[in-house]
Amino acid sequence: MKKDEHTPGPWTMKPWCVDEGIVKQWVIDSRDWLHLAHVHVQEDDTPTECDLGDGEANARLIASAPDLLAALTLVHDLIEMDDKM
């Protein structure tokens, strides 16, 4: 496979914009970049429970991207190795 062409992991997520105890934005950081990505929970000022859960889940998914890529690369390489046998 091609060499990685992304910001190396690990990526971490943390609450960024908290208003009255409600997280309205998550930020994804890496060792090399602060604020690699932002996940906005809701456009307006009244996020629902669903919005809050979805926002956190989306931030976790983005933050796990380097680990997911590593796992997929390993599976790809194992399949290629198996095809050559």
N, C-alpha and C. Protein backbone atom coordinates (compact mmCIF):
# COMPACT_ATOMS: atom_id res chain seq x y z
N MET A 1 0.83 -1.19 0.00
CA MET A 1 0.00 0.00 0.00
C MET A 1 0.87 1.25 0.00
N LYS A 2 0.27 2.36 -0.38
CA LYS A 2 0.98 3.63 -0.37
C LYS A 2 1.35 4.04 1.04
N LYS A 3 2.43 4.78 1.13
CA LYS A 3 2.86 5.32 2.41
C LYS A 3 1.76 6.25 2.95
N ASP A 4 1.63 6.26 4.27
CA ASP A 4 0.62 7.14 4.89
C ASP A 4 0.83 8.58 4.46
N GLU A 5 -0.25 9.22 4.09
CA GLU A 5 -0.20 10.63 3.70
C GLU A 5 -1.21 11.40 4.54
N HIS A 6 -1.09 11.25 5.85
CA HIS A 6 -1.99 11.96 6.76
C HIS A 6 -1.20 12.33 8.00
N THR A 7 -1.78 13.12 8.84
CA THR A 7 -1.15 13.47 10.10
C THR A 7 -1.07 12.20 10.95
N PRO A 8 0.14 11.85 11.41
CA PRO A 8 0.26 10.61 12.17
C PRO A 8 -0.51 10.66 13.49
N GLY A 9 -0.93 9.48 13.94
CA GLY A 9 -1.63 9.37 15.21
C GLY A 9 -0.65 9.37 16.35
N PRO A 10 -1.12 9.28 17.55
CA PRO A 10 -2.53 9.16 17.87
C PRO A 10 -3.26 10.51 17.76
N TRP A 11 -4.54 10.41 17.48
CA TRP A 11 -5.41 11.58 17.51
C TRP A 11 -6.26 11.47 18.76
N THR A 12 -6.51 12.58 19.39
CA THR A 12 -7.33 12.58 20.60
C THR A 12 -8.48 13.56 20.43
N MET A 13 -9.53 13.33 21.19
CA MET A 13 -10.68 14.23 21.14
C MET A 13 -10.91 14.79 22.53
N LYS A 14 -11.44 15.99 22.57
CA LYS A 14 -11.79 16.59 23.86
C LYS A 14 -12.90 17.61 23.64
N PRO A 15 -13.69 17.86 24.68
CA PRO A 15 -14.72 18.89 24.57
C PRO A 15 -14.06 20.24 24.31
N TRP A 16 -14.65 21.03 23.45
CA TRP A 16 -14.05 22.31 23.12
C TRP A 16 -14.95 23.47 23.55
N CYS A 17 -16.14 23.47 23.10
CA CYS A 17 -17.06 24.56 23.42
C CYS A 17 -18.13 23.99 24.36
N VAL A 18 -18.00 24.32 25.63
CA VAL A 18 -18.94 23.81 26.63
C VAL A 18 -19.72 25.00 27.17
N ASP A 19 -21.04 24.90 27.11
CA ASP A 19 -21.91 25.97 27.58
C ASP A 19 -22.90 25.38 28.57
N GLU A 20 -22.84 25.83 29.80
CA GLU A 20 -23.72 25.35 30.86
C GLU A 20 -23.68 23.82 30.97
N GLY A 21 -22.48 23.26 30.87
CA GLY A 21 -22.31 21.82 31.01
C GLY A 21 -22.64 21.01 29.76
N ILE A 22 -23.05 21.66 28.68
CA ILE A 22 -23.39 20.96 27.45
C ILE A 22 -22.26 21.17 26.44
N VAL A 23 -21.72 20.05 25.92
CA VAL A 23 -20.66 20.12 24.92
C VAL A 23 -21.30 20.44 23.57
N LYS A 24 -20.92 21.58 23.01
CA LYS A 24 -21.49 21.97 21.71
C LYS A 24 -20.49 21.77 20.58
N GLN A 25 -19.24 21.44 20.92
CA GLN A 25 -18.23 21.24 19.90
C GLN A 25 -17.12 20.36 20.48
N TRP A 26 -16.64 19.42 19.68
CA TRP A 26 -15.51 18.58 20.05
C TRP A 26 -14.34 18.98 19.16
N VAL A 27 -13.13 18.85 19.68
CA VAL A 27 -11.95 19.15 18.89
C VAL A 27 -11.09 17.89 18.84
N ILE A 28 -10.50 17.64 17.67
CA ILE A 28 -9.60 16.51 17.47
C ILE A 28 -8.19 17.09 17.35
N ASP A 29 -7.28 16.59 18.18
CA ASP A 29 -5.89 17.04 18.17
C ASP A 29 -4.98 15.86 17.84
N SER A 30 -3.76 16.19 17.41
CA SER A 30 -2.72 15.18 17.25
C SER A 30 -1.47 15.71 17.95
N ARG A 31 -0.42 14.90 17.93
CA ARG A 31 0.84 15.38 18.53
C ARG A 31 1.35 16.62 17.82
N ASP A 32 1.19 16.65 16.50
CA ASP A 32 1.76 17.73 15.70
C ASP A 32 0.82 18.89 15.44
N TRP A 33 -0.47 18.64 15.53
CA TRP A 33 -1.46 19.67 15.19
C TRP A 33 -2.44 19.85 16.34
N LEU A 34 -2.65 21.08 16.71
CA LEU A 34 -3.76 21.38 17.59
C LEU A 34 -4.95 21.68 16.71
N HIS A 35 -6.07 21.18 17.06
CA HIS A 35 -7.32 21.44 16.35
C HIS A 35 -7.24 20.93 14.90
N LEU A 36 -6.91 19.68 14.80
CA LEU A 36 -6.88 19.01 13.50
C LEU A 36 -8.26 19.02 12.86
N ALA A 37 -9.29 18.88 13.70
CA ALA A 37 -10.68 18.90 13.21
C ALA A 37 -11.60 19.34 14.34
N HIS A 38 -12.73 19.90 13.96
CA HIS A 38 -13.78 20.28 14.91
C HIS A 38 -15.05 19.54 14.52
N VAL A 39 -15.77 19.06 15.50
CA VAL A 39 -17.07 18.43 15.28
C VAL A 39 -18.10 19.30 16.00
N HIS A 40 -18.96 19.92 15.22
CA HIS A 40 -20.01 20.76 15.78
C HIS A 40 -21.21 19.88 16.08
N VAL A 41 -21.72 20.01 17.29
CA VAL A 41 -22.84 19.16 17.71
C VAL A 41 -24.13 19.61 17.06
N GLN A 42 -24.37 20.90 17.05
CA GLN A 42 -25.62 21.42 16.47
C GLN A 42 -25.39 22.86 16.05
N GLU A 43 -26.05 23.25 14.98
CA GLU A 43 -25.90 24.60 14.45
C GLU A 43 -26.49 25.65 15.40
N ASP A 44 -27.65 25.36 15.97
CA ASP A 44 -28.28 26.37 16.83
C ASP A 44 -27.92 26.14 18.30
N ASP A 45 -28.56 26.85 19.18
CA ASP A 45 -28.20 26.81 20.60
C ASP A 45 -28.92 25.76 21.42
N THR A 46 -29.74 24.93 20.78
CA THR A 46 -30.52 23.96 21.55
C THR A 46 -30.30 22.54 21.04
N PRO A 47 -29.13 21.96 21.31
CA PRO A 47 -28.90 20.58 20.87
C PRO A 47 -29.79 19.61 21.64
N THR A 48 -30.24 18.58 20.95
CA THR A 48 -31.04 17.54 21.59
C THR A 48 -30.11 16.45 22.13
N GLU A 49 -30.66 15.52 22.92
CA GLU A 49 -29.86 14.40 23.42
C GLU A 49 -29.24 13.63 22.26
N CYS A 50 -30.02 13.44 21.20
CA CYS A 50 -29.52 12.71 20.03
C CYS A 50 -28.34 13.45 19.41
N ASP A 51 -28.46 14.77 19.27
CA ASP A 51 -27.37 15.56 18.70
C ASP A 51 -26.10 15.40 19.53
N LEU A 52 -26.25 15.45 20.86
CA LEU A 52 -25.10 15.35 21.75
C LEU A 52 -24.41 14.00 21.59
N GLY A 53 -25.18 12.92 21.55
CA GLY A 53 -24.61 11.59 21.37
C GLY A 53 -23.96 11.42 20.01
N ASP A 54 -24.62 11.90 18.98
CA ASP A 54 -24.08 11.80 17.62
C ASP A 54 -22.79 12.60 17.50
N GLY A 55 -22.76 13.78 18.08
CA GLY A 55 -21.56 14.61 18.01
C GLY A 55 -20.37 13.93 18.65
N GLU A 56 -20.57 13.37 19.82
CA GLU A 56 -19.47 12.67 20.50
C GLU A 56 -19.05 11.43 19.71
N ALA A 57 -20.02 10.68 19.21
CA ALA A 57 -19.71 9.48 18.42
C ALA A 57 -18.93 9.84 17.16
N ASN A 58 -19.32 10.92 16.49
CA ASN A 58 -18.60 11.35 15.28
C ASN A 58 -17.18 11.76 15.62
N ALA A 59 -17.00 12.47 16.74
CA ALA A 59 -15.66 12.88 17.15
C ALA A 59 -14.79 11.66 17.47
N ARG A 60 -15.38 10.66 18.14
CA ARG A 60 -14.62 9.44 18.44
C ARG A 60 -14.21 8.71 17.16
N LEU A 61 -15.11 8.66 16.19
CA LEU A 61 -14.80 8.00 14.93
C LEU A 61 -13.66 8.71 14.21
N ILE A 62 -13.72 10.02 14.15
CA ILE A 62 -12.65 10.78 13.49
C ILE A 62 -11.33 10.57 14.22
N ALA A 63 -11.36 10.64 15.55
CA ALA A 63 -10.13 10.49 16.33
C ALA A 63 -9.51 9.09 16.17
N SER A 64 -10.32 8.10 15.86
CA SER A 64 -9.81 6.74 15.70
C SER A 64 -9.29 6.46 14.29
N ALA A 65 -9.36 7.41 13.38
CA ALA A 65 -8.98 7.19 11.99
C ALA A 65 -7.58 6.59 11.82
N PRO A 66 -6.54 7.09 12.49
CA PRO A 66 -5.22 6.47 12.30
C PRO A 66 -5.18 5.00 12.73
N ASP A 67 -5.87 4.66 13.81
CA ASP A 67 -5.92 3.27 14.25
C ASP A 67 -6.70 2.40 13.27
N LEU A 68 -7.80 2.93 12.76
CA LEU A 68 -8.58 2.19 11.77
C LEU A 68 -7.78 1.96 10.50
N LEU A 69 -7.03 2.97 10.06
CA LEU A 69 -6.19 2.82 8.88
C LEU A 69 -5.12 1.76 9.10
N ALA A 70 -4.50 1.76 10.28
CA ALA A 70 -3.48 0.76 10.58
C ALA A 70 -4.08 -0.65 10.54
N ALA A 71 -5.26 -0.83 11.09
CA ALA A 71 -5.91 -2.14 11.09
C ALA A 71 -6.25 -2.58 9.66
N LEU A 72 -6.78 -1.67 8.87
CA LEU A 72 -7.14 -2.00 7.49
C LEU A 72 -5.89 -2.30 6.65
N THR A 73 -4.82 -1.57 6.89
CA THR A 73 -3.56 -1.82 6.18
C THR A 73 -3.04 -3.21 6.51
N LEU A 74 -3.11 -3.60 7.78
CA LEU A 74 -2.67 -4.93 8.19
C LEU A 74 -3.51 -6.01 7.50
N VAL A 75 -4.83 -5.84 7.50
CA VAL A 75 -5.71 -6.82 6.84
C VAL A 75 -5.39 -6.89 5.35
N HIS A 76 -5.22 -5.75 4.71
CA HIS A 76 -4.89 -5.71 3.28
C HIS A 76 -3.59 -6.46 3.01
N ASP A 77 -2.57 -6.19 3.83
CA ASP A 77 -1.28 -6.85 3.63
C ASP A 77 -1.38 -8.36 3.85
N LEU A 78 -2.18 -8.80 4.83
CA LEU A 78 -2.37 -10.22 5.06
C LEU A 78 -3.08 -10.89 3.88
N ILE A 79 -4.06 -10.21 3.32
CA ILE A 79 -4.77 -10.76 2.16
C ILE A 79 -3.82 -10.87 0.97
N GLU A 80 -3.02 -9.84 0.75
CA GLU A 80 -2.06 -9.88 -0.35
C GLU A 80 -1.05 -11.02 -0.15
N MET A 81 -0.59 -11.21 1.08
CA MET A 81 0.36 -12.26 1.38
C MET A 81 -0.27 -13.63 1.13
N ASP A 82 -1.53 -13.79 1.53
CA ASP A 82 -2.25 -15.04 1.34
C ASP A 82 -2.43 -15.32 -0.16
N ASP A 83 -2.71 -14.28 -0.95
CA ASP A 83 -2.88 -14.47 -2.39
C ASP A 83 -1.60 -14.95 -3.07
N LYS A 84 -0.45 -14.60 -2.50
CA LYS A 84 0.82 -14.98 -3.11
C LYS A 84 1.23 -16.41 -2.75
N MET A 85 0.56 -17.01 -1.78
CA MET A 85 0.91 -18.39 -1.36
C MET A 85 0.26 -19.41 -2.24
